[in-house]
Protein backbone atom coordinates (compact mmCIF):
# COMPACT_ATOMS: atom_id res chain seq x y z
CA UNK A 1 -0.01 0.01 0.03
CA UNK A 2 1.13 3.51 -0.71
CA UNK A 3 0.97 6.75 1.34
CA UNK A 4 -2.40 7.78 -0.03
CA UNK A 5 -4.02 4.53 0.99
CA UNK A 6 -2.89 4.78 4.60
CA UNK A 7 -3.66 8.50 4.64
CA UNK A 8 -7.27 7.94 3.68
CA UNK A 9 -7.74 5.11 6.13
CA UNK A 10 -6.18 7.13 9.00
CA UNK A 11 -8.27 10.21 8.40
CA UNK A 12 -11.38 8.00 8.50
CA UNK A 13 -10.51 6.01 11.59
CA UNK A 14 -7.91 7.87 13.77
CA UNK A 15 -8.41 11.02 15.85
CA UNK A 16 -4.87 12.49 16.01
CA UNK A 17 -3.54 14.28 19.08
CA UNK A 18 -2.92 18.03 19.46
CA UNK A 19 -4.39 18.65 16.07
CA UNK A 20 -7.31 20.40 14.40
CA UNK A 21 -8.20 17.51 12.20
CA UNK A 22 -9.64 19.71 9.45
CA UNK A 23 -6.09 21.02 8.82
CA UNK A 24 -5.08 17.53 7.67
CA UNK A 25 -7.41 17.85 4.70
CA UNK A 26 -5.00 20.17 2.85
CA UNK A 27 -1.30 20.46 2.34
CA UNK A 28 -0.71 23.12 5.03
CA UNK A 29 -0.55 20.32 7.67
CA UNK A 30 0.38 17.05 5.96
CA UNK A 31 -0.43 13.72 7.60
CA UNK A 32 2.53 11.50 6.87
CA UNK A 33 2.10 7.67 6.90
CA UNK A 34 5.35 6.23 8.31
CA UNK A 35 6.42 2.76 7.19
CA UNK A 36 9.52 2.30 9.33
CA UNK A 37 12.42 4.07 11.06
CA UNK A 38 16.09 3.49 11.14
CA UNK A 39 18.51 5.56 13.19
CA UNK A 40 17.59 9.21 13.05
CA UNK A 41 15.41 8.74 9.90
CA UNK A 42 11.81 7.95 9.34
CA UNK A 43 10.53 6.53 6.04
CA UNK A 44 7.08 6.70 4.45
CA UNK A 45 5.32 4.12 2.26
CA UNK A 46 6.38 5.96 -0.90
CA UNK A 47 10.10 5.78 -0.04
CA UNK A 48 10.54 9.35 1.14
CA UNK A 49 12.71 9.94 4.24
CA UNK A 50 12.67 12.50 7.06
CA UNK A 51 15.46 13.37 9.47
CA UNK A 52 13.82 13.30 12.93
CA UNK A 53 14.95 16.63 14.35
CA UNK A 54 12.50 16.55 17.28
CA UNK A 55 12.98 12.93 18.44
CA UNK A 56 9.30 12.12 17.65
CA UNK A 57 8.00 14.59 20.24
CA UNK A 58 11.08 14.50 22.39
CA UNK A 59 11.01 10.81 23.28
CA UNK A 60 13.57 9.10 21.02
CA UNK A 61 17.10 9.18 22.37
CA UNK A 62 19.03 6.59 20.45
CA UNK A 63 17.36 6.31 17.11
CA UNK A 64 14.52 4.28 15.69
CA UNK A 65 14.77 0.51 15.75
CA UNK A 66 17.83 0.69 18.01
CA UNK A 67 19.38 -2.82 18.00
CA UNK A 68 20.20 -2.91 21.74
CA UNK A 69 16.80 -1.77 22.90
CA UNK A 70 15.19 -4.14 20.43
CA UNK A 71 17.21 -7.02 21.86
CA UNK A 72 16.28 -6.18 25.43
CA UNK A 73 12.58 -6.02 24.68
CA UNK A 74 12.71 -9.20 22.66
CA UNK A 75 14.46 -11.00 25.52
CA UNK A 76 11.85 -9.69 27.98
CA UNK A 77 9.02 -10.84 25.74
CA UNK A 78 10.17 -14.40 26.30
CA UNK A 79 9.96 -14.02 30.10
CA UNK A 80 7.15 -11.69 31.15
CA UNK A 81 5.21 -9.04 29.28
CA UNK A 82 3.22 -7.63 32.22
CA UNK A 83 1.88 -8.42 35.67
CA UNK A 84 -0.12 -6.03 37.78
CA UNK A 85 2.07 -4.22 40.27
CA UNK A 86 -0.58 -4.20 43.03
CA UNK A 87 0.44 -7.24 45.15
CA UNK A 88 3.16 -8.37 42.68
CA UNK A 89 6.58 -7.28 41.58
CA UNK A 90 9.09 -8.27 38.92
CA UNK A 91 12.79 -7.94 38.00
CA UNK A 92 12.77 -5.02 35.54
CA UNK A 93 10.70 -2.66 37.73
CA UNK A 94 12.95 -3.43 40.76
CA UNK A 95 16.18 -2.92 38.87
CA UNK A 96 14.98 0.23 37.15
CA UNK A 97 13.85 1.72 40.46
CA UNK A 98 17.24 1.01 42.04
CA UNK A 99 19.15 2.49 39.13
CA UNK A 100 17.08 5.66 38.96
CA UNK A 101 17.52 6.21 42.72
CA UNK A 102 21.25 5.72 42.29
CA UNK A 103 21.35 8.38 39.53
CA UNK A 104 19.65 10.88 41.83
CA UNK A 105 22.28 10.15 44.46
CA UNK A 106 24.98 10.89 41.92
CA UNK A 107 23.22 14.05 40.75
CA UNK A 108 23.26 15.59 44.21
CA UNK A 109 25.80 13.80 46.52
CA UNK A 110 24.99 16.22 49.33
CA UNK A 111 21.43 15.02 49.62
CA UNK A 112 19.75 11.64 50.18
CA UNK A 113 18.73 9.79 47.01
CA UNK A 114 15.19 9.97 45.72
CA UNK A 115 13.67 6.52 45.76
CA UNK A 116 10.31 4.79 46.14
CA UNK A 117 9.49 5.03 42.40
CA UNK A 118 5.85 5.24 41.54
CA UNK A 119 5.08 4.34 37.96
CA UNK A 120 2.55 5.37 35.31
CA UNK A 121 2.47 5.48 31.56
CA UNK A 122 2.83 9.19 30.50
CA UNK A 123 4.02 12.56 31.59
CA UNK A 124 0.68 14.06 32.52
CA UNK A 125 0.01 11.07 34.79
CA UNK A 126 3.40 11.65 36.49
CA UNK A 127 2.35 15.26 37.12
CA UNK A 128 -0.95 14.13 38.59
CA UNK A 129 0.81 11.63 40.84
CA UNK A 130 3.30 14.26 42.15
CA UNK A 131 0.57 16.85 42.83
CA UNK A 132 -1.60 14.27 44.62
CA UNK A 133 1.24 12.93 46.65
CA UNK A 134 2.26 16.44 47.77
CA UNK A 135 -1.21 17.45 48.87
CA UNK A 136 -1.83 14.09 50.50
CA UNK A 137 1.46 14.34 52.38
CA UNK A 138 0.36 17.60 53.97
CA UNK A 139 -3.01 16.16 54.80
CA UNK A 140 -1.43 13.13 56.49
CA UNK A 141 0.78 15.50 58.45
CA UNK A 142 -2.18 17.51 59.83
CA UNK A 143 -2.12 20.43 57.36
CA UNK A 144 -5.09 19.79 55.07
CA UNK A 145 -5.20 23.51 54.13
CA UNK A 146 -2.14 23.16 51.93
CA UNK A 147 -3.97 22.43 48.66
CA UNK A 148 -2.62 25.13 46.28
CA UNK A 149 0.07 24.84 43.63
CA UNK A 150 2.29 27.39 41.98
CA UNK A 151 4.16 27.19 38.67
CA UNK A 152 5.97 29.49 36.33
CA UNK A 153 4.16 31.68 33.83
CA UNK A 154 4.01 29.88 30.51
CA UNK A 155 4.54 26.51 32.10
CA UNK A 156 3.31 23.16 30.64
CA UNK A 157 2.89 20.09 32.74
CA UNK A 158 0.37 17.97 30.80
CA UNK A 159 -3.22 17.97 29.71
CA UNK A 160 -5.13 15.82 32.22
CA UNK A 161 -7.33 17.80 34.65
CA UNK A 162 -4.82 18.10 37.49
CA UNK A 163 -1.89 18.76 35.16
CA UNK A 164 -3.86 21.42 33.31
CA UNK A 165 -4.33 23.19 36.66
CA UNK A 166 -0.60 23.93 36.63
CA UNK A 167 -0.29 24.47 32.86
CA UNK A 168 -0.28 28.12 31.89
CA UNK A 169 -0.99 27.84 28.13
CA UNK A 170 -4.45 29.17 27.30
CA UNK A 171 -4.85 27.06 24.11
CA UNK A 172 -4.76 23.84 26.18
CA UNK A 173 -6.52 25.05 29.32
CA UNK A 174 -9.35 27.45 28.50
CA UNK A 175 -11.76 24.94 26.91
CA UNK A 176 -11.64 22.84 30.11
CA UNK A 177 -11.79 25.62 32.67
CA UNK A 178 -14.97 24.24 34.32
CA UNK A 179 -13.12 21.05 35.18
CA UNK A 180 -10.07 22.72 36.65
CA UNK A 181 -9.08 24.25 39.97
CA UNK A 182 -6.46 26.67 38.59
CA UNK A 183 -3.07 27.02 40.15
CA UNK A 184 -1.18 30.22 40.57
CA UNK A 185 1.78 31.44 38.50
CA UNK A 186 4.86 33.54 39.19
CA UNK A 187 7.06 35.30 36.64
CA UNK A 188 9.40 33.03 34.58
CA UNK A 189 13.13 33.81 34.57
CA UNK A 190 13.27 34.01 30.78
CA UNK A 191 16.87 34.55 29.82
CA UNK A 192 15.72 36.22 26.55
CA UNK A 193 14.96 39.33 28.63
CA UNK A 194 18.67 39.71 29.45
CA UNK A 195 20.50 42.67 27.83
CA UNK A 196 23.60 44.77 28.29
CA UNK A 197 22.32 45.98 31.67
CA UNK A 198 20.94 42.68 32.97
CA UNK A 199 22.46 39.15 32.71
CA UNK A 200 20.49 35.92 32.68
CA UNK A 201 21.47 35.55 36.31
CA UNK A 202 20.03 38.98 37.07
CA UNK A 203 16.71 37.98 35.43
CA UNK A 204 16.78 34.75 37.47
CA UNK A 205 17.34 36.71 40.69
CA UNK A 206 14.56 39.13 39.88
CA UNK A 207 12.12 36.28 39.27
CA UNK A 208 13.21 34.64 42.51
CA UNK A 209 12.33 37.76 44.39
CA UNK A 210 8.85 37.60 42.89
CA UNK A 211 8.53 33.99 43.97
CA UNK A 212 9.70 34.90 47.50
CA UNK A 213 7.04 37.56 47.72
CA UNK A 214 4.34 35.13 46.54
CA UNK A 215 5.40 32.44 48.95
CA UNK A 216 5.58 34.81 51.87
CA UNK A 217 1.91 35.54 51.35
CA UNK A 218 0.58 32.18 50.27
CA UNK A 219 2.81 29.44 51.72
CA UNK A 220 0.31 28.39 54.39
CA UNK A 221 -2.07 27.24 51.68
CA UNK A 222 0.56 25.98 49.15
CA UNK A 223 1.47 22.37 48.83
CA UNK A 224 4.16 22.57 46.09
CA UNK A 225 5.84 24.49 43.35
CA UNK A 226 6.15 22.58 40.12
CA UNK A 227 8.80 23.64 37.66
CA UNK A 228 10.45 22.52 34.42
CA UNK A 229 14.15 22.81 35.27
CA UNK A 230 16.20 25.09 32.97
CA UNK A 231 13.95 24.92 29.87
CA UNK A 232 10.17 25.58 29.57
CA UNK A 233 9.68 23.59 26.43
CA UNK A 234 6.08 24.24 25.28
CA UNK A 235 6.42 27.91 26.24
CA UNK A 236 8.85 28.24 23.21
CA UNK A 237 11.99 26.66 24.64
CA UNK A 238 12.29 29.33 27.25
CA UNK A 239 15.69 28.87 28.91
CA UNK A 240 16.92 30.31 32.19
CA UNK A 241 19.90 30.42 34.53
CA UNK A 242 20.31 27.58 37.04
CA UNK A 243 20.46 30.25 39.75
CA UNK A 244 16.68 30.36 39.72
CA UNK A 245 16.42 26.69 40.64
CA UNK A 246 18.87 27.12 43.46
CA UNK A 247 16.89 30.12 44.80
CA UNK A 248 13.55 28.30 44.35
CA UNK A 249 14.85 25.23 46.21
CA UNK A 250 15.95 27.43 49.17
CA UNK A 251 12.67 29.32 49.23
CA UNK A 252 10.60 26.12 49.18
CA UNK A 253 12.58 24.84 52.14
CA UNK A 254 12.15 28.10 53.95
CA UNK A 255 8.39 28.27 53.47
CA UNK A 256 7.68 24.55 53.78
CA UNK A 257 6.50 24.03 50.23
CA UNK A 258 7.45 20.98 48.19
CA UNK A 259 9.53 21.41 45.01
CA UNK A 260 8.41 19.23 42.09
CA UNK A 261 10.95 18.92 39.22
CA UNK A 262 9.10 18.09 36.03
CA UNK A 263 11.85 16.58 33.98
CA UNK A 264 9.51 14.76 31.63
CA UNK A 265 10.97 16.62 28.64
CA UNK A 266 14.28 18.01 29.93
CA UNK A 267 15.55 14.90 31.78
CA UNK A 268 17.65 11.98 30.45
CA UNK A 269 20.47 14.21 29.18
CA UNK A 270 18.54 16.82 27.18
CA UNK A 271 20.09 19.78 28.91
CA UNK A 272 23.68 18.34 29.05
CA UNK A 273 23.38 16.55 32.42
CA UNK A 274 21.25 13.49 33.03
CA UNK A 275 18.92 15.44 35.19
CA UNK A 276 18.59 19.14 34.44
CA UNK A 277 18.17 20.10 38.14
CA UNK A 278 21.70 18.83 38.96
CA UNK A 279 23.15 21.90 37.17
CA UNK A 280 21.84 23.94 40.13
CA UNK A 281 23.33 21.45 42.62
CA UNK A 282 19.96 20.88 44.25
CA UNK A 283 17.60 18.01 45.03
CA UNK A 284 13.85 18.31 44.47
CA UNK A 285 11.22 16.71 46.76
CA UNK A 286 9.60 14.97 43.72
CA UNK A 287 11.09 14.06 40.36
CA UNK A 288 8.89 13.37 37.33
CA UNK A 289 10.35 11.38 34.42
CA UNK A 290 8.87 10.13 31.17
CA UNK A 291 9.46 10.60 27.38
CA UNK A 292 13.06 9.64 26.86
CA UNK A 293 13.28 7.30 29.86
CA UNK A 294 12.19 4.34 27.72
CA UNK A 295 14.27 5.44 24.73
CA UNK A 296 11.13 6.39 22.90
CA UNK A 297 9.88 2.79 22.74
CA UNK A 298 7.06 2.31 25.17
CA UNK A 299 4.83 4.50 27.39
CA UNK A 300 6.39 4.92 30.81
CA UNK A 301 6.61 7.52 33.48
CA UNK A 302 8.00 7.61 37.05
CA UNK A 303 7.79 9.76 40.12
CA UNK A 304 10.61 9.55 42.63
CA UNK A 305 10.43 11.10 46.06
CA UNK A 306 12.14 11.31 49.47
CA UNK A 307 12.03 8.93 52.36
CA UNK A 308 10.30 11.55 54.46
CA UNK A 309 7.40 11.80 52.05
CA UNK A 310 7.19 8.03 51.68
CA UNK A 311 7.02 7.53 55.44
CA UNK A 312 4.08 9.98 55.68
CA UNK A 313 1.92 7.39 53.86
CA UNK A 314 3.31 4.30 55.69
CA UNK A 315 0.65 3.36 58.26
CA UNK A 316 -1.95 0.78 59.24
CA UNK A 317 -4.76 3.04 58.03
CA UNK A 318 -5.50 2.34 54.41
CA UNK A 319 -6.81 5.89 53.87
CA UNK A 320 -3.29 7.22 54.68
CA UNK A 321 -1.86 5.20 51.74
CA UNK A 322 -1.40 6.56 48.25
CA UNK A 323 -4.35 4.87 46.52
CA UNK A 324 -3.53 5.81 42.98
CA UNK A 325 -3.17 3.27 40.19
CA UNK A 326 -2.75 2.61 36.52
CA UNK A 327 -3.45 -0.76 34.97
CA UNK A 328 -0.01 -0.91 33.28
CA UNK A 329 1.93 0.52 36.17
CA UNK A 330 5.59 -0.64 36.06
CA UNK A 331 5.05 -2.57 32.83
CA UNK A 332 7.91 -5.09 32.49
CA UNK A 333 8.49 -4.43 28.78
CA UNK A 334 8.67 -0.68 29.28
CA UNK A 335 10.95 -0.99 32.26
CA UNK A 336 13.24 -3.35 30.32
CA UNK A 337 13.38 -0.70 27.48
CA UNK A 338 14.35 1.87 30.13
CA UNK A 339 17.08 -0.30 31.51
CA UNK A 340 18.53 -0.82 28.03
CA UNK A 341 18.41 3.00 27.65
CA UNK A 342 20.39 3.46 30.84
CA UNK A 343 22.85 0.81 29.63
CA UNK A 344 23.50 2.81 26.50
CA UNK A 345 24.08 6.01 28.54
CA UNK A 346 26.71 4.18 30.54
CA UNK A 347 28.40 2.06 27.94
CA UNK A 348 28.64 4.74 25.27
CA UNK A 349 29.50 7.62 27.59
CA UNK A 350 26.60 9.51 26.05
CA UNK A 351 26.72 12.65 28.16
CA UNK A 352 30.40 13.24 27.40
CA UNK A 353 29.92 12.56 23.66
CA UNK A 354 26.91 14.93 23.64
CA UNK A 355 29.11 17.80 24.63
CA UNK A 356 30.96 17.58 21.28
CA UNK A 357 27.68 16.89 19.42
CA UNK A 358 26.02 19.96 20.97
CA UNK A 359 29.01 22.11 20.06
CA UNK A 360 28.76 20.91 16.43
CA UNK A 361 25.09 21.73 16.39
CA UNK A 362 25.76 25.30 17.45
CA UNK A 363 28.54 25.65 14.82
CA UNK A 364 26.24 24.43 12.05
CA UNK A 365 23.48 26.80 13.29
CA UNK A 366 25.78 29.74 12.77
CA UNK A 367 24.47 30.20 9.21
CA UNK A 368 21.06 30.88 10.73
CA UNK A 369 22.25 33.42 13.24
CA UNK A 370 22.75 36.15 10.73
CA UNK A 371 19.36 35.56 9.04
CA UNK A 372 17.29 38.78 9.34
CA UNK A 373 14.24 36.93 10.63
CA UNK A 374 16.13 34.91 13.32
CA UNK A 375 16.48 36.19 16.88
CA UNK A 376 17.36 34.84 20.29
CA UNK A 377 19.50 31.90 19.21
CA UNK A 378 19.93 29.84 22.39
CA UNK A 379 21.15 26.42 23.50
CA UNK A 380 21.10 24.27 26.54
CA UNK A 381 22.79 20.92 26.00
CA UNK A 382 21.10 19.06 23.15
CA UNK A 383 18.26 21.61 22.89
CA UNK A 384 18.82 24.49 20.47
CA UNK A 385 16.18 27.05 19.49
CA UNK A 386 15.61 30.43 17.85
CA UNK A 387 12.68 32.78 17.46
CA UNK A 388 11.15 34.07 14.20
CA UNK A 389 10.69 37.84 14.18
CA UNK A 390 7.23 38.92 13.02
CA UNK A 391 6.26 35.36 12.05
CA UNK A 392 3.03 35.19 10.07
CA UNK A 393 0.15 33.47 11.76
CA UNK A 394 0.42 30.21 9.83
CA UNK A 395 4.19 30.12 9.92
CA UNK A 396 4.51 26.92 12.01
CA UNK A 397 2.23 24.84 9.86
CA UNK A 398 3.82 25.97 6.57
CA UNK A 399 7.35 25.51 8.00
CA UNK A 400 6.48 21.94 9.03
CA UNK A 401 5.16 21.15 5.58
CA UNK A 402 8.14 22.68 3.76
CA UNK A 403 10.52 20.90 6.13
CA UNK A 404 9.04 17.51 5.11
CA UNK A 405 9.59 18.35 1.47
CA UNK A 406 13.21 19.04 2.40
CA UNK A 407 13.57 15.74 4.29
CA UNK A 408 13.58 17.21 7.83
CA UNK A 409 10.98 16.77 10.56
CA UNK A 410 10.69 19.96 12.68
CA UNK A 411 7.56 21.29 14.40
CA UNK A 412 7.87 24.99 15.37
CA UNK A 413 6.10 26.10 18.53
CA UNK A 414 3.59 28.96 18.30
CA UNK A 415 3.02 30.95 21.48
CA UNK A 416 1.47 34.30 22.37
CA UNK A 417 4.96 35.82 22.05
CA UNK A 418 5.60 34.52 18.53
CA UNK A 419 7.05 31.40 16.89
CA UNK A 420 10.00 29.32 17.93
CA UNK A 421 11.93 26.83 15.78
CA UNK A 422 13.71 24.29 17.88
CA UNK A 423 15.94 21.20 17.56
CA UNK A 424 15.81 18.30 19.98
CA UNK A 425 17.32 15.42 17.99
CA UNK A 426 18.30 11.88 18.96
CA UNK A 427 21.76 11.52 20.43
CA UNK A 428 23.03 9.57 17.47
CA UNK A 429 23.31 12.22 14.72
CA UNK A 430 26.62 12.20 13.02
CA UNK A 431 28.38 15.32 11.78
CA UNK A 432 26.90 14.96 8.27
CA UNK A 433 23.38 14.57 9.55
CA UNK A 434 23.79 17.64 11.80
CA UNK A 435 25.13 19.68 8.86
CA UNK A 436 22.22 18.53 6.71
CA UNK A 437 19.68 19.32 9.37
CA UNK A 438 20.77 23.00 9.58
CA UNK A 439 21.31 23.42 5.84
CA UNK A 440 17.77 22.18 5.20
CA UNK A 441 16.42 24.41 8.03
CA UNK A 442 17.81 27.48 6.35
CA UNK A 443 16.30 26.42 3.07
CA UNK A 444 12.96 25.65 4.74
CA UNK A 445 12.96 29.00 6.53
CA UNK A 446 13.51 30.97 3.38
CA UNK A 447 10.84 29.03 1.49
CA UNK A 448 8.32 29.53 4.32
CA UNK A 449 8.98 33.28 4.61
CA UNK A 450 8.65 33.66 0.81
CA UNK A 451 5.16 32.19 1.09
CA UNK A 452 5.70 28.67 -0.20
CA UNK A 453 2.91 26.10 0.67
């Protein structure tokens, strides 16, 4: 079967996510049937190829059809595919929990490790778990009034009802306002506001002062602050100085408010360290992981927390327990994929290699820096982004379509502030693929600004 056959069948049968389905009826937002993937490339049924510059929505770390992850999952298939985690356990979930806890100990040697992993299947579910655990902790400790949450302006933490309460993007939240108890927001330490008079650290300090003022007034009712460490992805790859994390951690301690690190998108090496928060030399109270943790293979998320929080639920009274569940919690296949992913990090010295790869990305992006429509070129580890000055309303959709014609998969982010083109590729791109990605990006940018598609 060819692309058109699968396209017609999909449009008739599948409701695609984060999409106005009517846009798929014309070329401005193509629907691409994918036959297979290999390495950093995806291939359709007509033989066209696309360099995956966004890791298939930020999940794929080591390429499509990775032989080592394939082998691990295949081996696990012959042993156990799944067993419910209520009343049972199994080897992959135990080993993964131990290894993740050990990684948190390495990330912040001055603090105790985060352990007691609670599993779900996606990032939004991890957010829900962390929010519920925080509020329930305070209830179990005789402070049931601590039910509020605070996040950064422009933050994104998922699209289930609880996660939307701490997501500050109107496009996702407004339609469901009757279902939501909205959280509060404080100013984001957006380093794009830095100038000759103010550094990114100055911007971070100013935002921290605003957080301090808010906590001073509202801490008695606030359970937790939830934050995307170093990069607010859906807000347009907003990057900020680690100083803000350090200050937020100290303020949350001071005012007895939990700090939830949402590393669903920015964890697993995306910012240059395995966990983004470790660049601030802090330890959160809760850590949310998903996306890349399984190498982009299977749905998996995890919430790690402290011994103190775990002990608040440990009692004879069932009502004091954390009675949250997912049918596929701790799925053995997903955990085995995650273990293979961690093996690759260790065996291939991925974090060290990515330093060179990130440097080459920035060098190749130099041709874009001088483009008259490009502003705010910025990078944090393996995430690189720039903004489009005065982008037309339909820029993102047309850029995406033109990019596919040029064999690159990029999905610009449109926000109230404008449009951001970003790169978050798998960690396997070679020098030639990196050069191709940025050459084709420049071509795509010029075509889109000239009105093509």
